[in-house]
């Protein structure tokens, strides 16, 4: 028997703390986070490379990877098809984010 909150939580997967941006680590497009020793099944690995040495007047490029992850971390239904092929790359490929 579910309480109303638990029932709603099972209906909407992003209602849990795992998918709330301030309660968990944001990843690129919401893909699973992984460590370097967990990449055996991964086909695509997202790596954020913070680099500030190439800027002269306005440093801050080092915040780019986290800004991209946080900007796209909104609620989603989990289906983002590649329109020409009609497949969902995040569902079809083993995509992980290692930070």
PDB file of N, CA and C in Angstrom:
ATOM      1  N   UNK A   1       0.840  -1.171   0.000  1.00  0.00           N
ATOM      2  CA  UNK A   1       0.000   0.000   0.000  1.00  0.00           C
ATOM      3  C   UNK A   1       0.894   1.246   0.000  1.00  0.00           C
ATOM      4  N   UNK A   2       0.691   2.108  -0.965  1.00  0.00           N
ATOM      5  CA  UNK A   2       1.476   3.328  -1.087  1.00  0.00           C
ATOM      6  C   UNK A   2       0.738   4.509  -0.470  1.00  0.00           C
ATOM      7  N   UNK A   3       1.502   5.426   0.101  1.00  0.00           N
ATOM      8  CA  UNK A   3       0.930   6.718   0.467  1.00  0.00           C
ATOM      9  C   UNK A   3       0.803   7.519  -0.822  1.00  0.00           C
ATOM     10  N   UNK A   4       0.020   8.601  -0.840  1.00  0.00           N
ATOM     11  CA  UNK A   4      -0.095   9.391  -2.075  1.00  0.00           C
ATOM     12  C   UNK A   4       1.256   9.867  -2.602  1.00  0.00           C
ATOM     13  N   UNK A   5       2.168  10.247  -1.701  1.00  0.00           N
ATOM     14  CA  UNK A   5       3.484  10.693  -2.153  1.00  0.00           C
ATOM     15  C   UNK A   5       4.261   9.557  -2.802  1.00  0.00           C
ATOM     16  N   UNK A   6       4.257   8.381  -2.175  1.00  0.00           N
ATOM     17  CA  UNK A   6       4.987   7.245  -2.737  1.00  0.00           C
ATOM     18  C   UNK A   6       4.395   6.821  -4.072  1.00  0.00           C
ATOM     19  N   UNK A   7       3.077   6.877  -4.210  1.00  0.00           N
ATOM     20  CA  UNK A   7       2.447   6.536  -5.480  1.00  0.00           C
ATOM     21  C   UNK A   7       2.888   7.514  -6.557  1.00  0.00           C
ATOM     22  N   UNK A   8       2.870   8.786  -6.245  1.00  0.00           N
ATOM     23  CA  UNK A   8       3.293   9.812  -7.208  1.00  0.00           C
ATOM     24  C   UNK A   8       4.769   9.632  -7.552  1.00  0.00           C
ATOM     25  N   UNK A   9       5.567   9.262  -6.575  1.00  0.00           N
ATOM     26  CA  UNK A   9       7.000   9.064  -6.795  1.00  0.00           C
ATOM     27  C   UNK A   9       7.258   7.910  -7.755  1.00  0.00           C
ATOM     28  N   UNK A  10       6.443   6.867  -7.709  1.00  0.00           N
ATOM     29  CA  UNK A  10       6.640   5.749  -8.630  1.00  0.00           C
ATOM     30  C   UNK A  10       6.142   6.086 -10.025  1.00  0.00           C
ATOM     31  N   UNK A  11       5.182   6.998 -10.139  1.00  0.00           N
ATOM     32  CA  UNK A  11       4.670   7.385 -11.450  1.00  0.00           C
ATOM     33  C   UNK A  11       5.630   8.319 -12.172  1.00  0.00           C
ATOM     34  N   UNK A  12       6.299   9.196 -11.436  1.00  0.00           N
ATOM     35  CA  UNK A  12       7.202  10.183 -12.028  1.00  0.00           C
ATOM     36  C   UNK A  12       8.602   9.909 -11.505  1.00  0.00           C
ATOM     37  N   UNK A  13       9.478   9.333 -12.322  1.00  0.00           N
ATOM     38  CA  UNK A  13      10.791   8.938 -11.810  1.00  0.00           C
ATOM     39  C   UNK A  13      11.649  10.092 -11.332  1.00  0.00           C
ATOM     40  N   UNK A  14      11.497  11.292 -11.904  1.00  0.00           N
ATOM     41  CA  UNK A  14      12.360  12.391 -11.498  1.00  0.00           C
ATOM     42  C   UNK A  14      11.861  13.077 -10.234  1.00  0.00           C
ATOM     43  N   UNK A  15      10.844  12.529  -9.561  1.00  0.00           N
ATOM     44  CA  UNK A  15      10.366  13.099  -8.300  1.00  0.00           C
ATOM     45  C   UNK A  15      11.208  12.635  -7.118  1.00  0.00           C
ATOM     46  N   UNK A  16      12.118  11.721  -7.338  1.00  0.00           N
ATOM     47  CA  UNK A  16      12.960  11.258  -6.239  1.00  0.00           C
ATOM     48  C   UNK A  16      14.186  12.151  -6.107  1.00  0.00           C
ATOM     49  N   UNK A  17      14.858  12.070  -4.977  1.00  0.00           N
ATOM     50  CA  UNK A  17      16.027  12.909  -4.727  1.00  0.00           C
ATOM     51  C   UNK A  17      17.156  12.614  -5.704  1.00  0.00           C
ATOM     52  N   UNK A  18      17.141  11.442  -6.323  1.00  0.00           N
ATOM     53  CA  UNK A  18      18.179  11.091  -7.289  1.00  0.00           C
ATOM     54  C   UNK A  18      18.176  12.042  -8.479  1.00  0.00           C
ATOM     55  N   UNK A  19      17.016  12.607  -8.816  1.00  0.00           N
ATOM     56  CA  UNK A  19      16.890  13.448  -9.995  1.00  0.00           C
ATOM     57  C   UNK A  19      16.743  14.926  -9.674  1.00  0.00           C
ATOM     58  N   UNK A  20      16.856  15.321  -8.412  1.00  0.00           N
ATOM     59  CA  UNK A  20      16.736  16.725  -8.049  1.00  0.00           C
ATOM     60  C   UNK A  20      18.129  17.328  -8.064  1.00  0.00           C
ATOM     61  N   UNK A  21      18.303  18.414  -8.812  1.00  0.00           N
ATOM     62  CA  UNK A  21      19.646  18.941  -9.043  1.00  0.00           C
ATOM     63  C   UNK A  21      20.342  19.391  -7.768  1.00  0.00           C
ATOM     64  N   UNK A  22      19.632  19.923  -6.796  1.00  0.00           N
ATOM     65  CA  UNK A  22      20.302  20.381  -5.584  1.00  0.00           C
ATOM     66  C   UNK A  22      20.524  19.260  -4.581  1.00  0.00           C
ATOM     67  N   UNK A  23      19.978  18.077  -4.833  1.00  0.00           N
ATOM     68  CA  UNK A  23      20.115  16.976  -3.887  1.00  0.00           C
ATOM     69  C   UNK A  23      21.057  15.894  -4.374  1.00  0.00           C
ATOM     70  N   UNK A  24      21.533  16.000  -5.593  1.00  0.00           N
ATOM     71  CA  UNK A  24      22.424  14.979  -6.120  1.00  0.00           C
ATOM     72  C   UNK A  24      23.395  15.618  -7.103  1.00  0.00           C
ATOM     73  N   UNK A  25      24.310  14.836  -7.584  1.00  0.00           N
ATOM     74  CA  UNK A  25      25.306  15.310  -8.538  1.00  0.00           C
ATOM     75  C   UNK A  25      24.684  15.388  -9.925  1.00  0.00           C
ATOM     76  N   UNK A  26      24.730  16.548 -10.531  1.00  0.00           N
ATOM     77  CA  UNK A  26      24.201  16.711 -11.881  1.00  0.00           C
ATOM     78  C   UNK A  26      25.141  16.045 -12.874  1.00  0.00           C
ATOM     79  N   UNK A  27      24.572  15.346 -13.835  1.00  0.00           N
ATOM     80  CA  UNK A  27      25.355  14.735 -14.900  1.00  0.00           C
ATOM     81  C   UNK A  27      24.846  15.244 -16.235  1.00  0.00           C
ATOM     82  N   UNK A  28      25.625  15.072 -17.271  1.00  0.00           N
ATOM     83  CA  UNK A  28      25.258  15.531 -18.602  1.00  0.00           C
ATOM     84  C   UNK A  28      24.029  14.774 -19.091  1.00  0.00           C
ATOM     85  N   UNK A  29      22.953  15.499 -19.375  1.00  0.00           N
ATOM     86  CA  UNK A  29      21.688  14.943 -19.861  1.00  0.00           C
ATOM     87  C   UNK A  29      21.091  13.899 -18.929  1.00  0.00           C
ATOM     88  N   UNK A  30      21.507  13.889 -17.667  1.00  0.00           N
ATOM     89  CA  UNK A  30      20.954  12.951 -16.700  1.00  0.00           C
ATOM     90  C   UNK A  30      21.445  11.524 -16.826  1.00  0.00           C
ATOM     91  N   UNK A  31      22.534  11.308 -17.580  1.00  0.00           N
ATOM     92  CA  UNK A  31      23.070   9.947 -17.718  1.00  0.00           C
ATOM     93  C   UNK A  31      23.717   9.530 -16.401  1.00  0.00           C
ATOM     94  N   UNK A  32      23.915   8.247 -16.177  1.00  0.00           N
ATOM     95  CA  UNK A  32      24.512   7.804 -14.912  1.00  0.00           C
ATOM     96  C   UNK A  32      25.951   8.298 -14.733  1.00  0.00           C
ATOM     97  N   UNK A  33      26.287   8.626 -13.508  1.00  0.00           N
ATOM     98  CA  UNK A  33      27.665   8.980 -13.174  1.00  0.00           C
ATOM     99  C   UNK A  33      28.464   7.696 -13.011  1.00  0.00           C
ATOM    100  N   UNK A  34      29.736   7.742 -13.376  1.00  0.00           N
ATOM    101  CA  UNK A  34      30.591   6.557 -13.272  1.00  0.00           C
ATOM    102  C   UNK A  34      31.974   6.978 -12.803  1.00  0.00           C
ATOM    103  N   UNK A  35      32.728   6.004 -12.354  1.00  0.00           N
ATOM    104  CA  UNK A  35      34.124   6.210 -11.982  1.00  0.00           C
ATOM    105  C   UNK A  35      34.997   5.583 -13.061  1.00  0.00           C
ATOM    106  N   UNK A  36      36.274   5.896 -13.028  1.00  0.00           N
ATOM    107  CA  UNK A  36      37.186   5.408 -14.063  1.00  0.00           C
ATOM    108  C   UNK A  36      37.237   3.888 -14.134  1.00  0.00           C
ATOM    109  N   UNK A  37      37.056   3.204 -13.023  1.00  0.00           N
ATOM    110  CA  UNK A  37      37.125   1.741 -13.036  1.00  0.00           C
ATOM    111  C   UNK A  37      35.778   1.088 -13.355  1.00  0.00           C
ATOM    112  N   UNK A  38      34.763   1.876 -13.720  1.00  0.00           N
ATOM    113  CA  UNK A  38      33.437   1.348 -14.041  1.00  0.00           C
ATOM    114  C   UNK A  38      33.068   1.559 -15.506  1.00  0.00           C
ATOM    115  N   UNK A  39      34.037   1.615 -16.383  1.00  0.00           N
ATOM    116  CA  UNK A  39      33.778   1.959 -17.779  1.00  0.00           C
ATOM    117  C   UNK A  39      33.735   0.758 -18.713  1.00  0.00           C
ATOM    118  N   UNK A  40      33.656  -0.449 -18.191  1.00  0.00           N
ATOM    119  CA  UNK A  40      33.696  -1.637 -19.038  1.00  0.00           C
ATOM    120  C   UNK A  40      32.524  -1.714 -20.005  1.00  0.00           C
ATOM    121  N   UNK A  41      31.315  -1.367 -19.563  1.00  0.00           N
ATOM    122  CA  UNK A  41      30.129  -1.468 -20.406  1.00  0.00           C
ATOM    123  C   UNK A  41      29.796  -0.169 -21.126  1.00  0.00           C
ATOM    124  N   UNK A  42      30.552   0.873 -20.904  1.00  0.00           N
ATOM    125  CA  UNK A  42      30.246   2.172 -21.501  1.00  0.00           C
ATOM    126  C   UNK A  42      30.683   2.218 -22.961  1.00  0.00           C
ATOM    127  N   UNK A  43      29.797   2.732 -23.803  1.00  0.00           N
ATOM    128  CA  UNK A  43      30.135   2.957 -25.208  1.00  0.00           C
ATOM    129  C   UNK A  43      30.468   4.422 -25.467  1.00  0.00           C
ATOM    130  N   UNK A  44      29.878   5.318 -24.662  1.00  0.00           N
ATOM    131  CA  UNK A  44      30.132   6.751 -24.769  1.00  0.00           C
ATOM    132  C   UNK A  44      30.444   7.263 -23.368  1.00  0.00           C
ATOM    133  N   UNK A  45      31.553   7.997 -23.228  1.00  0.00           N
ATOM    134  CA  UNK A  45      31.957   8.552 -21.935  1.00  0.00           C
ATOM    135  C   UNK A  45      32.026  10.071 -22.069  1.00  0.00           C
ATOM    136  N   UNK A  46      31.280  10.775 -21.222  1.00  0.00           N
ATOM    137  CA  UNK A  46      31.284  12.233 -21.210  1.00  0.00           C
ATOM    138  C   UNK A  46      32.322  12.689 -20.185  1.00  0.00           C
ATOM    139  N   UNK A  47      33.244  13.548 -20.626  1.00  0.00           N
ATOM    140  CA  UNK A  47      34.294  14.072 -19.753  1.00  0.00           C
ATOM    141  C   UNK A  47      34.237  15.593 -19.813  1.00  0.00           C
ATOM    142  N   UNK A  48      34.020  16.222 -18.676  1.00  0.00           N
ATOM    143  CA  UNK A  48      34.066  17.680 -18.614  1.00  0.00           C
ATOM    144  C   UNK A  48      35.492  18.107 -18.330  1.00  0.00           C
ATOM    145  N   UNK A  49      36.037  18.958 -19.177  1.00  0.00           N
ATOM    146  CA  UNK A  49      37.432  19.369 -19.016  1.00  0.00           C
ATOM    147  C   UNK A  49      37.492  20.847 -18.647  1.00  0.00           C
ATOM    148  N   UNK A  50      37.521  21.174 -17.354  1.00  0.00           N
ATOM    149  CA  UNK A  50      37.620  22.581 -16.966  1.00  0.00           C
ATOM    150  C   UNK A  50      39.017  23.112 -17.254  1.00  0.00           C
ATOM    151  N   UNK A  51      39.093  24.167 -18.049  1.00  0.00           N
ATOM    152  CA  UNK A  51      40.393  24.679 -18.473  1.00  0.00           C
ATOM    153  C   UNK A  51      40.308  26.191 -18.561  1.00  0.00           C
ATOM    154  N   UNK A  52      41.116  26.882 -17.818  1.00  0.00           N
ATOM    155  CA  UNK A  52      41.062  28.337 -17.756  1.00  0.00           C
ATOM    156  C   UNK A  52      42.333  29.015 -18.260  1.00  0.00           C
ATOM    157  N   UNK A  53      43.330  28.285 -18.644  1.00  0.00           N
ATOM    158  CA  UNK A  53      44.602  28.896 -19.021  1.00  0.00           C
ATOM    159  C   UNK A  53      44.557  29.580 -20.378  1.00  0.00           C
ATOM    160  N   UNK A  54      43.642  29.224 -21.218  1.00  0.00           N
ATOM    161  CA  UNK A  54      43.594  29.801 -22.562  1.00  0.00           C
ATOM    162  C   UNK A  54      42.859  31.121 -22.637  1.00  0.00           C
ATOM    163  N   UNK A  55      42.344  31.621 -21.525  1.00  0.00           N
ATOM    164  CA  UNK A  55      41.625  32.893 -21.541  1.00  0.00           C
ATOM    165  C   UNK A  55      42.529  33.990 -21.011  1.00  0.00           C
ATOM    166  N   UNK A  56      42.296  35.209 -21.476  1.00  0.00           N
ATOM    167  CA  UNK A  56      43.146  36.303 -21.018  1.00  0.00           C
ATOM    168  C   UNK A  56      42.360  37.309 -20.186  1.00  0.00           C
ATOM    169  N   UNK A  57      41.327  37.895 -20.722  1.00  0.00           N
ATOM    170  CA  UNK A  57      40.647  38.982 -20.033  1.00  0.00           C
ATOM    171  C   UNK A  57      39.558  38.497 -19.081  1.00  0.00           C
ATOM    172  N   UNK A  58      38.798  37.485 -19.490  1.00  0.00           N
ATOM    173  CA  UNK A  58      37.667  37.036 -18.677  1.00  0.00           C
ATOM    174  C   UNK A  58      37.795  35.563 -18.331  1.00  0.00           C
ATOM    175  N   UNK A  59      38.514  35.225 -17.287  1.00  0.00           N
ATOM    176  CA  UNK A  59      38.597  33.820 -16.892  1.00  0.00           C
ATOM    177  C   UNK A  59      37.249  33.328 -16.370  1.00  0.00           C
ATOM    178  N   UNK A  60      37.080  32.050 -16.381  1.00  0.00           N
ATOM    179  CA  UNK A  60      35.834  31.461 -15.910  1.00  0.00           C
ATOM    180  C   UNK A  60      35.416  30.280 -16.760  1.00  0.00           C
ATOM    181  N   UNK A  61      36.211  29.968 -17.782  1.00  0.00           N
ATOM    182  CA  UNK A  61      35.886  28.824 -18.637  1.00  0.00           C
ATOM    183  C   UNK A  61      35.887  27.524 -17.846  1.00  0.00           C
ATOM    184  N   UNK A  62      36.575  27.510 -16.723  1.00  0.00           N
ATOM    185  CA  UNK A  62      36.627  26.298 -15.898  1.00  0.00           C
ATOM    186  C   UNK A  62      35.258  25.923 -15.345  1.00  0.00           C
ATOM    187  N   UNK A  63      34.326  26.860 -15.325  1.00  0.00           N
ATOM    188  CA  UNK A  63      32.983  26.576 -14.829  1.00  0.00           C
ATOM    189  C   UNK A  63      32.055  26.066 -15.929  1.00  0.00           C
ATOM    190  N   UNK A  64      32.540  25.998 -17.146  1.00  0.00           N
ATOM    191  CA  UNK A  64      31.715  25.573 -18.277  1.00  0.00           C
ATOM    192  C   UNK A  64      31.106  24.190 -18.149  1.00  0.00           C
ATOM    193  N   UNK A  65      31.896  23.147 -17.849  1.00  0.00           N
ATOM    194  CA  UNK A  65      31.308  21.806 -17.750  1.00  0.00           C
ATOM    195  C   UNK A  65      30.194  21.699 -16.714  1.00  0.00           C
ATOM    196  N   UNK A  66      30.385  22.294 -15.543  1.00  0.00           N
ATOM    197  CA  UNK A  66      29.322  22.208 -14.535  1.00  0.00           C
ATOM    198  C   UNK A  66      28.126  23.064 -14.925  1.00  0.00           C
ATOM    199  N   UNK A  67      28.343  24.182 -15.611  1.00  0.00           N
ATOM    200  CA  UNK A  67      27.221  25.014 -16.054  1.00  0.00           C
ATOM    201  C   UNK A  67      26.371  24.282 -17.081  1.00  0.00           C
ATOM    202  N   UNK A  68      27.003  23.556 -17.990  1.00  0.00           N
ATOM    203  CA  UNK A  68      26.251  22.791 -18.988  1.00  0.00           C
ATOM    204  C   UNK A  68      25.458  21.685 -18.314  1.00  0.00           C
ATOM    205  N   UNK A  69      26.066  20.992 -17.379  1.00  0.00           N
ATOM    206  CA  UNK A  69      25.348  19.918 -16.679  1.00  0.00           C
ATOM    207  C   UNK A  69      24.158  20.462 -15.891  1.00  0.00           C
ATOM    208  N   UNK A  70      24.340  21.568 -15.201  1.00  0.00           N
ATOM    209  CA  UNK A  70      23.260  22.130 -14.387  1.00  0.00           C
ATOM    210  C   UNK A  70      22.169  22.760 -15.236  1.00  0.00           C
ATOM    211  N   UNK A  71      22.511  23.338 -16.374  1.00  0.00           N
ATOM    212  CA  UNK A  71      21.506  23.965 -17.229  1.00  0.00           C
ATOM    213  C   UNK A  71      20.589  22.937 -17.855  1.00  0.00           C
ATOM    214  N   UNK A  72      21.083  21.766 -18.171  1.00  0.00           N
ATOM    215  CA  UNK A  72      20.268  20.756 -18.825  1.00  0.00           C
ATOM    216  C   UNK A  72      19.650  19.782 -17.841  1.00  0.00           C
ATOM    217  N   UNK A  73      19.780  20.036 -16.558  1.00  0.00           N
ATOM    218  CA  UNK A  73      19.341  19.067 -15.567  1.00  0.00           C
ATOM    219  C   UNK A  73      17.869  19.197 -15.220  1.00  0.00           C
ATOM    220  N   UNK A  74      17.078  19.812 -16.075  1.00  0.00           N
ATOM    221  CA  UNK A  74      15.653  19.943 -15.807  1.00  0.00           C
ATOM    222  C   UNK A  74      14.943  18.606 -15.910  1.00  0.00           C
ATOM    223  N   UNK A  75      13.691  18.610 -15.498  1.00  0.00           N
ATOM    224  CA  UNK A  75      12.887  17.384 -15.561  1.00  0.00           C
ATOM    225  C   UNK A  75      12.689  16.971 -17.014  1.00  0.00           C
ATOM    226  N   UNK A  76      12.847  15.700 -17.275  1.00  0.00           N
ATOM    227  CA  UNK A  76      12.685  15.196 -18.632  1.00  0.00           C
ATOM    228  C   UNK A  76      11.965  13.862 -18.577  1.00  0.00           C
ATOM    229  N   UNK A  77      11.390  13.496 -19.689  1.00  0.00           N
ATOM    230  CA  UNK A  77      10.655  12.234 -19.712  1.00  0.00           C
ATOM    231  C   UNK A  77      11.550  11.056 -20.043  1.00  0.00           C
ATOM    232  N   UNK A  78      12.825  11.313 -20.310  1.00  0.00           N
ATOM    233  CA  UNK A  78      13.763  10.230 -20.559  1.00  0.00           C
ATOM    234  C   UNK A  78      13.853   9.801 -22.005  1.00  0.00           C
ATOM    235  N   UNK A  79      13.076  10.413 -22.904  1.00  0.00           N
ATOM    236  CA  UNK A  79      13.111  10.020 -24.306  1.00  0.00           C
ATOM    237  C   UNK A  79      13.525  11.216 -25.139  1.00  0.00           C
ATOM    238  N   UNK A  80      14.685  11.131 -25.757  1.00  0.00           N
ATOM    239  CA  UNK A  80      15.192  12.196 -26.621  1.00  0.00           C
ATOM    240  C   UNK A  80      15.669  11.555 -27.915  1.00  0.00           C
ATOM    241  N   UNK A  81      14.787  11.362 -28.853  1.00  0.00           N
ATOM    242  CA  UNK A  81      15.195  10.649 -30.065  1.00  0.00           C
ATOM    243  C   UNK A  81      16.057  11.506 -30.984  1.00  0.00           C
ATOM    244  N   UNK A  82      16.949  10.847 -31.673  1.00  0.00           N
ATOM    245  CA  UNK A  82      17.681  11.467 -32.766  1.00  0.00           C
ATOM    246  C   UNK A  82      16.713  11.460 -33.939  1.00  0.00           C
ATOM    247  N   UNK A  83      16.262  12.623 -34.369  1.00  0.00           N
ATOM    248  CA  UNK A  83      15.144  12.695 -35.306  1.00  0.00           C
ATOM    249  C   UNK A  83      15.368  11.975 -36.631  1.00  0.00           C
ATOM    250  N   UNK A  84      16.515  12.121 -37.305  1.00  0.00           N
ATOM    251  CA  UNK A  84      16.666  11.400 -38.574  1.00  0.00           C
ATOM    252  C   UNK A  84      16.633   9.879 -38.428  1.00  0.00           C
ATOM    253  N   UNK A  85      17.202   9.350 -37.364  1.00  0.00           N
ATOM    254  CA  UNK A  85      17.253   7.893 -37.221  1.00  0.00           C
ATOM    255  C   UNK A  85      16.086   7.334 -36.415  1.00  0.00           C
ATOM    256  N   UNK A  86      15.454   8.177 -35.583  1.00  0.00           N
ATOM    257  CA  UNK A  86      14.330   7.726 -34.782  1.00  0.00           C
ATOM    258  C   UNK A  86      14.711   6.893 -33.574  1.00  0.00           C
ATOM    259  N   UNK A  87      15.990   6.892 -33.194  1.00  0.00           N
ATOM    260  CA  UNK A  87      16.399   6.137 -32.003  1.00  0.00           C
ATOM    261  C   UNK A  87      16.787   7.109 -30.896  1.00  0.00           C
ATOM    262  N   UNK A  88      16.756   6.631 -29.696  1.00  0.00           N
ATOM    263  CA  UNK A  88      17.165   7.416 -28.540  1.00  0.00           C
ATOM    264  C   UNK A  88      18.595   7.023 -28.183  1.00  0.00           C
ATOM    265  N   UNK A  89      19.588   7.866 -28.490  1.00  0.00           N
ATOM    266  CA  UNK A  89      20.978   7.479 -28.225  1.00  0.00           C
ATOM    267  C   UNK A  89      21.258   7.232 -26.749  1.00  0.00           C
ATOM    268  N   UNK A  90      20.587   7.957 -25.865  1.00  0.00           N
ATOM    269  CA  UNK A  90      20.829   7.744 -24.439  1.00  0.00           C
ATOM    270  C   UNK A  90      20.260   6.416 -23.971  1.00  0.00           C
ATOM    271  N   UNK A  91      19.249   5.923 -24.646  1.00  0.00           N
ATOM    272  CA  UNK A  91      18.667   4.637 -24.288  1.00  0.00           C
ATOM    273  C   UNK A  91      19.327   3.472 -24.995  1.00  0.00           C
ATOM    274  N   UNK A  92      19.832   3.703 -26.197  1.00  0.00           N
ATOM    275  CA  UNK A  92      20.419   2.639 -27.006  1.00  0.00           C
ATOM    276  C   UNK A  92      21.893   2.407 -26.693  1.00  0.00           C
ATOM    277  N   UNK A  93      22.599   3.475 -26.348  1.00  0.00           N
ATOM    278  CA  UNK A  93      24.039   3.377 -26.087  1.00  0.00           C
ATOM    279  C   UNK A  93      24.303   3.401 -24.587  1.00  0.00           C
ATOM    280  N   UNK A  94      25.408   2.860 -24.180  1.00  0.00           N
ATOM    281  CA  UNK A  94      25.818   2.916 -22.773  1.00  0.00           C
ATOM    282  C   UNK A  94      26.566   4.207 -22.523  1.00  0.00           C
ATOM    283  N   UNK A  95      25.843   5.281 -22.180  1.00  0.00           N
ATOM    284  CA  UNK A  95      26.435   6.600 -21.971  1.00  0.00           C
ATOM    285  C   UNK A  95      26.617   6.830 -20.474  1.00  0.00           C
ATOM    286  N   UNK A  96      27.809   7.260 -20.071  1.00  0.00           N
ATOM    287  CA  UNK A  96      28.095   7.591 -18.672  1.00  0.00           C
ATOM    288  C   UNK A  96      28.845   8.918 -18.604  1.00  0.00           C
ATOM    289  N   UNK A  97      28.804   9.543 -17.462  1.00  0.00           N
ATOM    290  CA  UNK A  97      29.485  10.811 -17.218  1.00  0.00           C
ATOM    291  C   UNK A  97      30.501  10.586 -16.101  1.00  0.00           C
ATOM    292  N   UNK A  98      31.780  10.834 -16.396  1.00  0.00           N
ATOM    293  CA  UNK A  98      32.805  10.623 -15.371  1.00  0.00           C
ATOM    294  C   UNK A  98      33.268  11.929 -14.725  1.00  0.00           C
ATOM    295  N   UNK A  99      32.566  13.012 -14.999  1.00  0.00           N
ATOM    296  CA  UNK A  99      32.886  14.278 -14.333  1.00  0.00           C
ATOM    297  C   UNK A  99      33.721  15.197 -15.152  1.00  0.00           C
TER     298      UNK A  99
END
